[in-house]
């Protein structure tokens, strides 16, 4: 499951279910422990516009972090002895 809720795959295929279990046990989920934002917003058009502008600015940064994480993942698979790529992948994934 893609944890930002834009996709979910459900199957009863035994091979896929077994591999999903293997991945769950061997590839742990990254936890960022970043505290949630404590901002509170009023329900008015000015506040909605401010929040919308804030989110639109962050989309580019999120996309760039995600793309770099994918590149690092490719490097990590190509050069498994270079552990730095695992760290870069984790950091960029959290940022994304």
PDB file of N, CA and C in Angstrom:
ATOM      1  N   UNK A   1       0.846  -1.193   0.000  1.00  0.00           N
ATOM      2  CA  UNK A   1       0.000   0.000   0.000  1.00  0.00           C
ATOM      3  C   UNK A   1       0.876   1.235   0.000  1.00  0.00           C
ATOM      4  N   UNK A   2       0.524   2.176  -0.821  1.00  0.00           N
ATOM      5  CA  UNK A   2       1.201   3.460  -0.852  1.00  0.00           C
ATOM      6  C   UNK A   2       0.609   4.274   0.302  1.00  0.00           C
ATOM      7  N   UNK A   3       1.415   4.608   1.287  1.00  0.00           N
ATOM      8  CA  UNK A   3       0.888   5.138   2.536  1.00  0.00           C
ATOM      9  C   UNK A   3       0.312   6.548   2.460  1.00  0.00           C
ATOM     10  N   UNK A   4       0.475   7.260   1.337  1.00  0.00           N
ATOM     11  CA  UNK A   4      -0.204   8.546   1.258  1.00  0.00           C
ATOM     12  C   UNK A   4      -1.620   8.384   0.687  1.00  0.00           C
ATOM     13  N   UNK A   5      -2.080   7.141   0.645  1.00  0.00           N
ATOM     14  CA  UNK A   5      -3.477   6.781   0.362  1.00  0.00           C
ATOM     15  C   UNK A   5      -3.934   6.994  -1.067  1.00  0.00           C
ATOM     16  N   UNK A   6      -2.990   7.078  -2.026  1.00  0.00           N
ATOM     17  CA  UNK A   6      -3.472   7.233  -3.383  1.00  0.00           C
ATOM     18  C   UNK A   6      -3.550   5.908  -4.140  1.00  0.00           C
ATOM     19  N   UNK A   7      -3.110   4.808  -3.519  1.00  0.00           N
ATOM     20  CA  UNK A   7      -3.286   3.511  -4.167  1.00  0.00           C
ATOM     21  C   UNK A   7      -3.232   2.379  -3.153  1.00  0.00           C
ATOM     22  N   UNK A   8      -3.878   1.300  -3.510  1.00  0.00           N
ATOM     23  CA  UNK A   8      -3.928   0.116  -2.660  1.00  0.00           C
ATOM     24  C   UNK A   8      -4.145  -1.076  -3.577  1.00  0.00           C
ATOM     25  N   UNK A   9      -3.382  -2.137  -3.367  1.00  0.00           N
ATOM     26  CA  UNK A   9      -3.520  -3.346  -4.171  1.00  0.00           C
ATOM     27  C   UNK A   9      -3.935  -4.481  -3.253  1.00  0.00           C
ATOM     28  N   UNK A  10      -5.014  -5.163  -3.590  1.00  0.00           N
ATOM     29  CA  UNK A  10      -5.516  -6.273  -2.791  1.00  0.00           C
ATOM     30  C   UNK A  10      -5.536  -7.515  -3.674  1.00  0.00           C
ATOM     31  N   UNK A  11      -4.999  -8.615  -3.134  1.00  0.00           N
ATOM     32  CA  UNK A  11      -4.986  -9.863  -3.904  1.00  0.00           C
ATOM     33  C   UNK A  11      -5.045 -11.058  -2.967  1.00  0.00           C
ATOM     34  N   UNK A  12      -5.479 -12.177  -3.511  1.00  0.00           N
ATOM     35  CA  UNK A  12      -5.410 -13.431  -2.763  1.00  0.00           C
ATOM     36  C   UNK A  12      -4.379 -14.365  -3.398  1.00  0.00           C
ATOM     37  N   UNK A  13      -3.525 -13.813  -4.288  1.00  0.00           N
ATOM     38  CA  UNK A  13      -2.473 -14.581  -4.924  1.00  0.00           C
ATOM     39  C   UNK A  13      -1.439 -14.974  -3.868  1.00  0.00           C
ATOM     40  N   UNK A  14      -1.245 -16.286  -3.673  1.00  0.00           N
ATOM     41  CA  UNK A  14      -0.383 -16.789  -2.607  1.00  0.00           C
ATOM     42  C   UNK A  14       1.056 -16.302  -2.739  1.00  0.00           C
ATOM     43  N   UNK A  15       1.614 -16.317  -3.953  1.00  0.00           N
ATOM     44  CA  UNK A  15       3.015 -15.900  -4.159  1.00  0.00           C
ATOM     45  C   UNK A  15       3.201 -14.434  -3.793  1.00  0.00           C
ATOM     46  N   UNK A  16       2.271 -13.587  -4.188  1.00  0.00           N
ATOM     47  CA  UNK A  16       2.367 -12.158  -3.873  1.00  0.00           C
ATOM     48  C   UNK A  16       2.205 -11.939  -2.377  1.00  0.00           C
ATOM     49  N   UNK A  17       1.253 -12.622  -1.761  1.00  0.00           N
ATOM     50  CA  UNK A  17       1.039 -12.481  -0.317  1.00  0.00           C
ATOM     51  C   UNK A  17       2.272 -12.932   0.473  1.00  0.00           C
ATOM     52  N   UNK A  18       2.901 -14.032   0.056  1.00  0.00           N
ATOM     53  CA  UNK A  18       4.104 -14.509   0.748  1.00  0.00           C
ATOM     54  C   UNK A  18       5.263 -13.527   0.585  1.00  0.00           C
ATOM     55  N   UNK A  19       5.404 -12.973  -0.610  1.00  0.00           N
ATOM     56  CA  UNK A  19       6.485 -12.007  -0.818  1.00  0.00           C
ATOM     57  C   UNK A  19       6.218 -10.713  -0.047  1.00  0.00           C
ATOM     58  N   UNK A  20       4.968 -10.306   0.032  1.00  0.00           N
ATOM     59  CA  UNK A  20       4.615  -9.127   0.823  1.00  0.00           C
ATOM     60  C   UNK A  20       4.971  -9.354   2.293  1.00  0.00           C
ATOM     61  N   UNK A  21       4.725 -10.555   2.801  1.00  0.00           N
ATOM     62  CA  UNK A  21       5.086 -10.890   4.183  1.00  0.00           C
ATOM     63  C   UNK A  21       6.605 -10.829   4.362  1.00  0.00           C
ATOM     64  N   UNK A  22       7.347 -11.357   3.393  1.00  0.00           N
ATOM     65  CA  UNK A  22       8.810 -11.310   3.438  1.00  0.00           C
ATOM     66  C   UNK A  22       9.293  -9.856   3.494  1.00  0.00           C
ATOM     67  N   UNK A  23       8.743  -9.016   2.629  1.00  0.00           N
ATOM     68  CA  UNK A  23       9.138  -7.601   2.608  1.00  0.00           C
ATOM     69  C   UNK A  23       8.800  -6.915   3.921  1.00  0.00           C
ATOM     70  N   UNK A  24       7.644  -7.222   4.482  1.00  0.00           N
ATOM     71  CA  UNK A  24       7.237  -6.646   5.763  1.00  0.00           C
ATOM     72  C   UNK A  24       8.235  -7.004   6.861  1.00  0.00           C
ATOM     73  N   UNK A  25       8.727  -8.236   6.840  1.00  0.00           N
ATOM     74  CA  UNK A  25       9.652  -8.692   7.875  1.00  0.00           C
ATOM     75  C   UNK A  25      11.083  -8.201   7.668  1.00  0.00           C
ATOM     76  N   UNK A  26      11.494  -7.981   6.416  1.00  0.00           N
ATOM     77  CA  UNK A  26      12.898  -7.661   6.136  1.00  0.00           C
ATOM     78  C   UNK A  26      13.159  -6.215   5.739  1.00  0.00           C
ATOM     79  N   UNK A  27      12.155  -5.479   5.350  1.00  0.00           N
ATOM     80  CA  UNK A  27      12.320  -4.084   4.936  1.00  0.00           C
ATOM     81  C   UNK A  27      11.384  -3.223   5.774  1.00  0.00           C
ATOM     82  N   UNK A  28      11.892  -2.751   6.878  1.00  0.00           N
ATOM     83  CA  UNK A  28      11.061  -2.039   7.848  1.00  0.00           C
ATOM     84  C   UNK A  28      10.625  -0.667   7.334  1.00  0.00           C
ATOM     85  N   UNK A  29       9.486  -0.249   7.789  1.00  0.00           N
ATOM     86  CA  UNK A  29       8.936   1.044   7.433  1.00  0.00           C
ATOM     87  C   UNK A  29       9.754   2.142   8.093  1.00  0.00           C
ATOM     88  N   UNK A  30      10.047   3.176   7.317  1.00  0.00           N
ATOM     89  CA  UNK A  30      10.788   4.325   7.844  1.00  0.00           C
ATOM     90  C   UNK A  30       9.832   5.151   8.701  1.00  0.00           C
ATOM     91  N   UNK A  31      10.261   5.496   9.897  1.00  0.00           N
ATOM     92  CA  UNK A  31       9.475   6.328  10.800  1.00  0.00           C
ATOM     93  C   UNK A  31      10.265   7.607  11.029  1.00  0.00           C
ATOM     94  N   UNK A  32       9.659   8.759  10.767  1.00  0.00           N
ATOM     95  CA  UNK A  32      10.424   9.997  10.838  1.00  0.00           C
ATOM     96  C   UNK A  32      10.405  10.681  12.209  1.00  0.00           C
ATOM     97  N   UNK A  33       9.413  10.410  13.037  1.00  0.00           N
ATOM     98  CA  UNK A  33       9.303  11.012  14.373  1.00  0.00           C
ATOM     99  C   UNK A  33       9.327  12.538  14.365  1.00  0.00           C
ATOM    100  N   UNK A  34       8.940  13.143  13.259  1.00  0.00           N
ATOM    101  CA  UNK A  34       8.838  14.598  13.197  1.00  0.00           C
ATOM    102  C   UNK A  34       7.499  14.979  13.816  1.00  0.00           C
ATOM    103  N   UNK A  35       7.510  15.896  14.788  1.00  0.00           N
ATOM    104  CA  UNK A  35       6.233  16.255  15.425  1.00  0.00           C
ATOM    105  C   UNK A  35       5.274  16.898  14.437  1.00  0.00           C
ATOM    106  N   UNK A  36       3.999  16.652  14.656  1.00  0.00           N
ATOM    107  CA  UNK A  36       2.982  17.230  13.789  1.00  0.00           C
ATOM    108  C   UNK A  36       2.941  18.741  13.975  1.00  0.00           C
ATOM    109  N   UNK A  37       2.542  19.401  12.894  1.00  0.00           N
ATOM    110  CA  UNK A  37       2.433  20.854  12.931  1.00  0.00           C
ATOM    111  C   UNK A  37       1.330  21.257  13.908  1.00  0.00           C
ATOM    112  N   UNK A  38       1.577  22.292  14.678  1.00  0.00           N
ATOM    113  CA  UNK A  38       0.600  22.699  15.690  1.00  0.00           C
ATOM    114  C   UNK A  38      -0.197  23.924  15.261  1.00  0.00           C
ATOM    115  N   UNK A  39      -0.102  24.309  14.002  1.00  0.00           N
ATOM    116  CA  UNK A  39      -0.851  25.469  13.524  1.00  0.00           C
ATOM    117  C   UNK A  39      -2.344  25.163  13.474  1.00  0.00           C
ATOM    118  N   UNK A  40      -3.117  26.151  13.809  1.00  0.00           N
ATOM    119  CA  UNK A  40      -4.566  26.050  13.712  1.00  0.00           C
ATOM    120  C   UNK A  40      -5.034  27.134  12.749  1.00  0.00           C
ATOM    121  N   UNK A  41      -5.977  26.785  11.892  1.00  0.00           N
ATOM    122  CA  UNK A  41      -6.419  27.704  10.863  1.00  0.00           C
ATOM    123  C   UNK A  41      -7.905  27.988  11.012  1.00  0.00           C
ATOM    124  N   UNK A  42      -8.268  29.228  10.707  1.00  0.00           N
ATOM    125  CA  UNK A  42      -9.679  29.615  10.676  1.00  0.00           C
ATOM    126  C   UNK A  42     -10.289  29.181   9.359  1.00  0.00           C
ATOM    127  N   UNK A  43     -11.589  28.989   9.367  1.00  0.00           N
ATOM    128  CA  UNK A  43     -12.295  28.585   8.140  1.00  0.00           C
ATOM    129  C   UNK A  43     -12.785  29.825   7.401  1.00  0.00           C
ATOM    130  N   UNK A  44     -11.872  30.479   6.697  1.00  0.00           N
ATOM    131  CA  UNK A  44     -12.243  31.609   5.852  1.00  0.00           C
ATOM    132  C   UNK A  44     -11.385  31.595   4.598  1.00  0.00           C
ATOM    133  N   UNK A  45     -11.784  32.353   3.582  1.00  0.00           N
ATOM    134  CA  UNK A  45     -11.119  32.302   2.287  1.00  0.00           C
ATOM    135  C   UNK A  45      -9.648  32.754   2.356  1.00  0.00           C
ATOM    136  N   UNK A  46      -9.358  33.729   3.182  1.00  0.00           N
ATOM    137  CA  UNK A  46      -7.975  34.216   3.293  1.00  0.00           C
ATOM    138  C   UNK A  46      -7.065  33.113   3.851  1.00  0.00           C
ATOM    139  N   UNK A  47      -7.538  32.415   4.858  1.00  0.00           N
ATOM    140  CA  UNK A  47      -6.761  31.324   5.449  1.00  0.00           C
ATOM    141  C   UNK A  47      -6.636  30.174   4.466  1.00  0.00           C
ATOM    142  N   UNK A  48      -7.724  29.844   3.762  1.00  0.00           N
ATOM    143  CA  UNK A  48      -7.665  28.779   2.762  1.00  0.00           C
ATOM    144  C   UNK A  48      -6.614  29.095   1.698  1.00  0.00           C
ATOM    145  N   UNK A  49      -6.559  30.343   1.258  1.00  0.00           N
ATOM    146  CA  UNK A  49      -5.585  30.753   0.246  1.00  0.00           C
ATOM    147  C   UNK A  49      -4.161  30.614   0.774  1.00  0.00           C
ATOM    148  N   UNK A  50      -3.945  31.014   2.021  1.00  0.00           N
ATOM    149  CA  UNK A  50      -2.609  30.912   2.624  1.00  0.00           C
ATOM    150  C   UNK A  50      -2.167  29.448   2.727  1.00  0.00           C
ATOM    151  N   UNK A  51      -3.063  28.575   3.172  1.00  0.00           N
ATOM    152  CA  UNK A  51      -2.740  27.150   3.286  1.00  0.00           C
ATOM    153  C   UNK A  51      -2.490  26.554   1.906  1.00  0.00           C
ATOM    154  N   UNK A  52      -3.311  26.925   0.926  1.00  0.00           N
ATOM    155  CA  UNK A  52      -3.142  26.420  -0.430  1.00  0.00           C
ATOM    156  C   UNK A  52      -1.783  26.824  -1.002  1.00  0.00           C
ATOM    157  N   UNK A  53      -1.384  28.064  -0.786  1.00  0.00           N
ATOM    158  CA  UNK A  53      -0.074  28.520  -1.260  1.00  0.00           C
ATOM    159  C   UNK A  53       1.059  27.773  -0.566  1.00  0.00           C
ATOM    160  N   UNK A  54       0.890  27.516   0.712  1.00  0.00           N
ATOM    161  CA  UNK A  54       1.912  26.776   1.466  1.00  0.00           C
ATOM    162  C   UNK A  54       2.068  25.362   0.907  1.00  0.00           C
ATOM    163  N   UNK A  55       0.945  24.697   0.657  1.00  0.00           N
ATOM    164  CA  UNK A  55       1.001  23.332   0.130  1.00  0.00           C
ATOM    165  C   UNK A  55       1.548  23.279  -1.287  1.00  0.00           C
ATOM    166  N   UNK A  56       1.174  24.234  -2.105  1.00  0.00           N
ATOM    167  CA  UNK A  56       1.651  24.209  -3.492  1.00  0.00           C
ATOM    168  C   UNK A  56       3.162  24.397  -3.548  1.00  0.00           C
ATOM    169  N   UNK A  57       3.715  25.193  -2.647  1.00  0.00           N
ATOM    170  CA  UNK A  57       5.162  25.366  -2.596  1.00  0.00           C
ATOM    171  C   UNK A  57       5.878  24.110  -2.151  1.00  0.00           C
ATOM    172  N   UNK A  58       5.246  23.342  -1.294  1.00  0.00           N
ATOM    173  CA  UNK A  58       5.889  22.134  -0.780  1.00  0.00           C
ATOM    174  C   UNK A  58       5.832  20.979  -1.770  1.00  0.00           C
ATOM    175  N   UNK A  59       4.894  21.003  -2.708  1.00  0.00           N
ATOM    176  CA  UNK A  59       4.766  19.902  -3.672  1.00  0.00           C
ATOM    177  C   UNK A  59       6.037  19.700  -4.489  1.00  0.00           C
ATOM    178  N   UNK A  60       6.639  20.809  -4.929  1.00  0.00           N
ATOM    179  CA  UNK A  60       7.858  20.695  -5.716  1.00  0.00           C
ATOM    180  C   UNK A  60       8.969  20.054  -4.901  1.00  0.00           C
ATOM    181  N   UNK A  61       9.116  20.485  -3.666  1.00  0.00           N
ATOM    182  CA  UNK A  61      10.150  19.931  -2.793  1.00  0.00           C
ATOM    183  C   UNK A  61       9.909  18.457  -2.528  1.00  0.00           C
ATOM    184  N   UNK A  62       8.672  18.086  -2.293  1.00  0.00           N
ATOM    185  CA  UNK A  62       8.331  16.681  -2.051  1.00  0.00           C
ATOM    186  C   UNK A  62       8.653  15.844  -3.290  1.00  0.00           C
ATOM    187  N   UNK A  63       8.293  16.344  -4.457  1.00  0.00           N
ATOM    188  CA  UNK A  63       8.569  15.624  -5.692  1.00  0.00           C
ATOM    189  C   UNK A  63      10.053  15.442  -5.940  1.00  0.00           C
ATOM    190  N   UNK A  64      10.827  16.498  -5.693  1.00  0.00           N
ATOM    191  CA  UNK A  64      12.276  16.405  -5.889  1.00  0.00           C
ATOM    192  C   UNK A  64      12.899  15.410  -4.913  1.00  0.00           C
ATOM    193  N   UNK A  65      12.466  15.434  -3.659  1.00  0.00           N
ATOM    194  CA  UNK A  65      12.987  14.488  -2.665  1.00  0.00           C
ATOM    195  C   UNK A  65      12.642  13.059  -3.044  1.00  0.00           C
ATOM    196  N   UNK A  66      11.418  12.860  -3.514  1.00  0.00           N
ATOM    197  CA  UNK A  66      10.983  11.531  -3.912  1.00  0.00           C
ATOM    198  C   UNK A  66      11.779  11.020  -5.113  1.00  0.00           C
ATOM    199  N   UNK A  67      12.003  11.889  -6.094  1.00  0.00           N
ATOM    200  CA  UNK A  67      12.785  11.491  -7.266  1.00  0.00           C
ATOM    201  C   UNK A  67      14.216  11.137  -6.883  1.00  0.00           C
ATOM    202  N   UNK A  68      14.825  11.938  -6.013  1.00  0.00           N
ATOM    203  CA  UNK A  68      16.191  11.637  -5.564  1.00  0.00           C
ATOM    204  C   UNK A  68      16.237  10.337  -4.765  1.00  0.00           C
ATOM    205  N   UNK A  69      15.206  10.075  -3.977  1.00  0.00           N
ATOM    206  CA  UNK A  69      15.156   8.818  -3.219  1.00  0.00           C
ATOM    207  C   UNK A  69      15.126   7.631  -4.166  1.00  0.00           C
ATOM    208  N   UNK A  70      14.396   7.747  -5.266  1.00  0.00           N
ATOM    209  CA  UNK A  70      14.347   6.664  -6.250  1.00  0.00           C
ATOM    210  C   UNK A  70      15.711   6.452  -6.901  1.00  0.00           C
ATOM    211  N   UNK A  71      16.415   7.537  -7.185  1.00  0.00           N
ATOM    212  CA  UNK A  71      17.759   7.416  -7.753  1.00  0.00           C
ATOM    213  C   UNK A  71      18.691   6.745  -6.750  1.00  0.00           C
ATOM    214  N   UNK A  72      18.613   7.159  -5.491  1.00  0.00           N
ATOM    215  CA  UNK A  72      19.445   6.537  -4.449  1.00  0.00           C
ATOM    216  C   UNK A  72      19.127   5.052  -4.307  1.00  0.00           C
ATOM    217  N   UNK A  73      17.870   4.705  -4.439  1.00  0.00           N
ATOM    218  CA  UNK A  73      17.491   3.297  -4.360  1.00  0.00           C
ATOM    219  C   UNK A  73      18.151   2.509  -5.489  1.00  0.00           C
ATOM    220  N   UNK A  74      18.196   3.096  -6.671  1.00  0.00           N
ATOM    221  CA  UNK A  74      18.880   2.434  -7.793  1.00  0.00           C
ATOM    222  C   UNK A  74      20.363   2.267  -7.493  1.00  0.00           C
ATOM    223  N   UNK A  75      20.980   3.303  -6.936  1.00  0.00           N
ATOM    224  CA  UNK A  75      22.399   3.218  -6.573  1.00  0.00           C
ATOM    225  C   UNK A  75      22.613   2.154  -5.500  1.00  0.00           C
ATOM    226  N   UNK A  76      21.721   2.118  -4.521  1.00  0.00           N
ATOM    227  CA  UNK A  76      21.863   1.138  -3.437  1.00  0.00           C
ATOM    228  C   UNK A  76      21.777  -0.287  -3.964  1.00  0.00           C
ATOM    229  N   UNK A  77      20.931  -0.509  -4.955  1.00  0.00           N
ATOM    230  CA  UNK A  77      20.817  -1.836  -5.548  1.00  0.00           C
ATOM    231  C   UNK A  77      22.013  -2.165  -6.433  1.00  0.00           C
ATOM    232  N   UNK A  78      22.562  -1.151  -7.087  1.00  0.00           N
ATOM    233  CA  UNK A  78      23.705  -1.358  -7.982  1.00  0.00           C
ATOM    234  C   UNK A  78      25.014  -1.557  -7.221  1.00  0.00           C
ATOM    235  N   UNK A  79      25.149  -0.883  -6.108  1.00  0.00           N
ATOM    236  CA  UNK A  79      26.376  -0.956  -5.303  1.00  0.00           C
ATOM    237  C   UNK A  79      26.021  -1.243  -3.844  1.00  0.00           C
ATOM    238  N   UNK A  80      25.619  -2.471  -3.525  1.00  0.00           N
ATOM    239  CA  UNK A  80      25.177  -2.795  -2.159  1.00  0.00           C
ATOM    240  C   UNK A  80      26.270  -2.621  -1.102  1.00  0.00           C
ATOM    241  N   UNK A  81      27.537  -2.650  -1.506  1.00  0.00           N
ATOM    242  CA  UNK A  81      28.614  -2.468  -0.533  1.00  0.00           C
ATOM    243  C   UNK A  81      28.723  -1.009  -0.067  1.00  0.00           C
ATOM    244  N   UNK A  82      28.143  -0.098  -0.804  1.00  0.00           N
ATOM    245  CA  UNK A  82      28.157   1.326  -0.448  1.00  0.00           C
ATOM    246  C   UNK A  82      26.942   1.628   0.434  1.00  0.00           C
ATOM    247  N   UNK A  83      27.085   1.480   1.728  1.00  0.00           N
ATOM    248  CA  UNK A  83      25.966   1.627   2.666  1.00  0.00           C
ATOM    249  C   UNK A  83      25.437   3.051   2.739  1.00  0.00           C
ATOM    250  N   UNK A  84      26.229   4.019   2.276  1.00  0.00           N
ATOM    251  CA  UNK A  84      25.771   5.411   2.333  1.00  0.00           C
ATOM    252  C   UNK A  84      24.486   5.607   1.521  1.00  0.00           C
ATOM    253  N   UNK A  85      24.316   4.827   0.452  1.00  0.00           N
ATOM    254  CA  UNK A  85      23.110   4.992  -0.363  1.00  0.00           C
ATOM    255  C   UNK A  85      21.858   4.541   0.382  1.00  0.00           C
ATOM    256  N   UNK A  86      21.989   3.566   1.257  1.00  0.00           N
ATOM    257  CA  UNK A  86      20.854   3.165   2.101  1.00  0.00           C
ATOM    258  C   UNK A  86      20.446   4.320   3.014  1.00  0.00           C
ATOM    259  N   UNK A  87      21.446   4.984   3.598  1.00  0.00           N
ATOM    260  CA  UNK A  87      21.163   6.129   4.470  1.00  0.00           C
ATOM    261  C   UNK A  87      20.529   7.273   3.683  1.00  0.00           C
ATOM    262  N   UNK A  88      21.093   7.579   2.520  1.00  0.00           N
ATOM    263  CA  UNK A  88      20.531   8.656   1.683  1.00  0.00           C
ATOM    264  C   UNK A  88      19.084   8.342   1.315  1.00  0.00           C
ATOM    265  N   UNK A  89      18.842   7.089   0.991  1.00  0.00           N
ATOM    266  CA  UNK A  89      17.492   6.663   0.604  1.00  0.00           C
ATOM    267  C   UNK A  89      16.501   6.892   1.754  1.00  0.00           C
ATOM    268  N   UNK A  90      16.904   6.507   2.943  1.00  0.00           N
ATOM    269  CA  UNK A  90      16.042   6.675   4.116  1.00  0.00           C
ATOM    270  C   UNK A  90      15.760   8.144   4.383  1.00  0.00           C
ATOM    271  N   UNK A  91      16.800   8.955   4.338  1.00  0.00           N
ATOM    272  CA  UNK A  91      16.636  10.392   4.620  1.00  0.00           C
ATOM    273  C   UNK A  91      15.721  11.045   3.583  1.00  0.00           C
ATOM    274  N   UNK A  92      15.980  10.775   2.315  1.00  0.00           N
ATOM    275  CA  UNK A  92      15.174  11.389   1.256  1.00  0.00           C
ATOM    276  C   UNK A  92      13.733  10.873   1.277  1.00  0.00           C
ATOM    277  N   UNK A  93      13.540   9.629   1.644  1.00  0.00           N
ATOM    278  CA  UNK A  93      12.180   9.082   1.751  1.00  0.00           C
ATOM    279  C   UNK A  93      11.384   9.783   2.841  1.00  0.00           C
ATOM    280  N   UNK A  94      12.044  10.041   3.962  1.00  0.00           N
ATOM    281  CA  UNK A  94      11.371  10.769   5.044  1.00  0.00           C
ATOM    282  C   UNK A  94      11.035  12.182   4.605  1.00  0.00           C
ATOM    283  N   UNK A  95      11.963  12.838   3.916  1.00  0.00           N
ATOM    284  CA  UNK A  95      11.686  14.190   3.436  1.00  0.00           C
ATOM    285  C   UNK A  95      10.522  14.200   2.446  1.00  0.00           C
ATOM    286  N   UNK A  96      10.473  13.197   1.604  1.00  0.00           N
ATOM    287  CA  UNK A  96       9.385  13.131   0.614  1.00  0.00           C
ATOM    288  C   UNK A  96       8.048  12.890   1.282  1.00  0.00           C
TER     289      UNK A  96
END
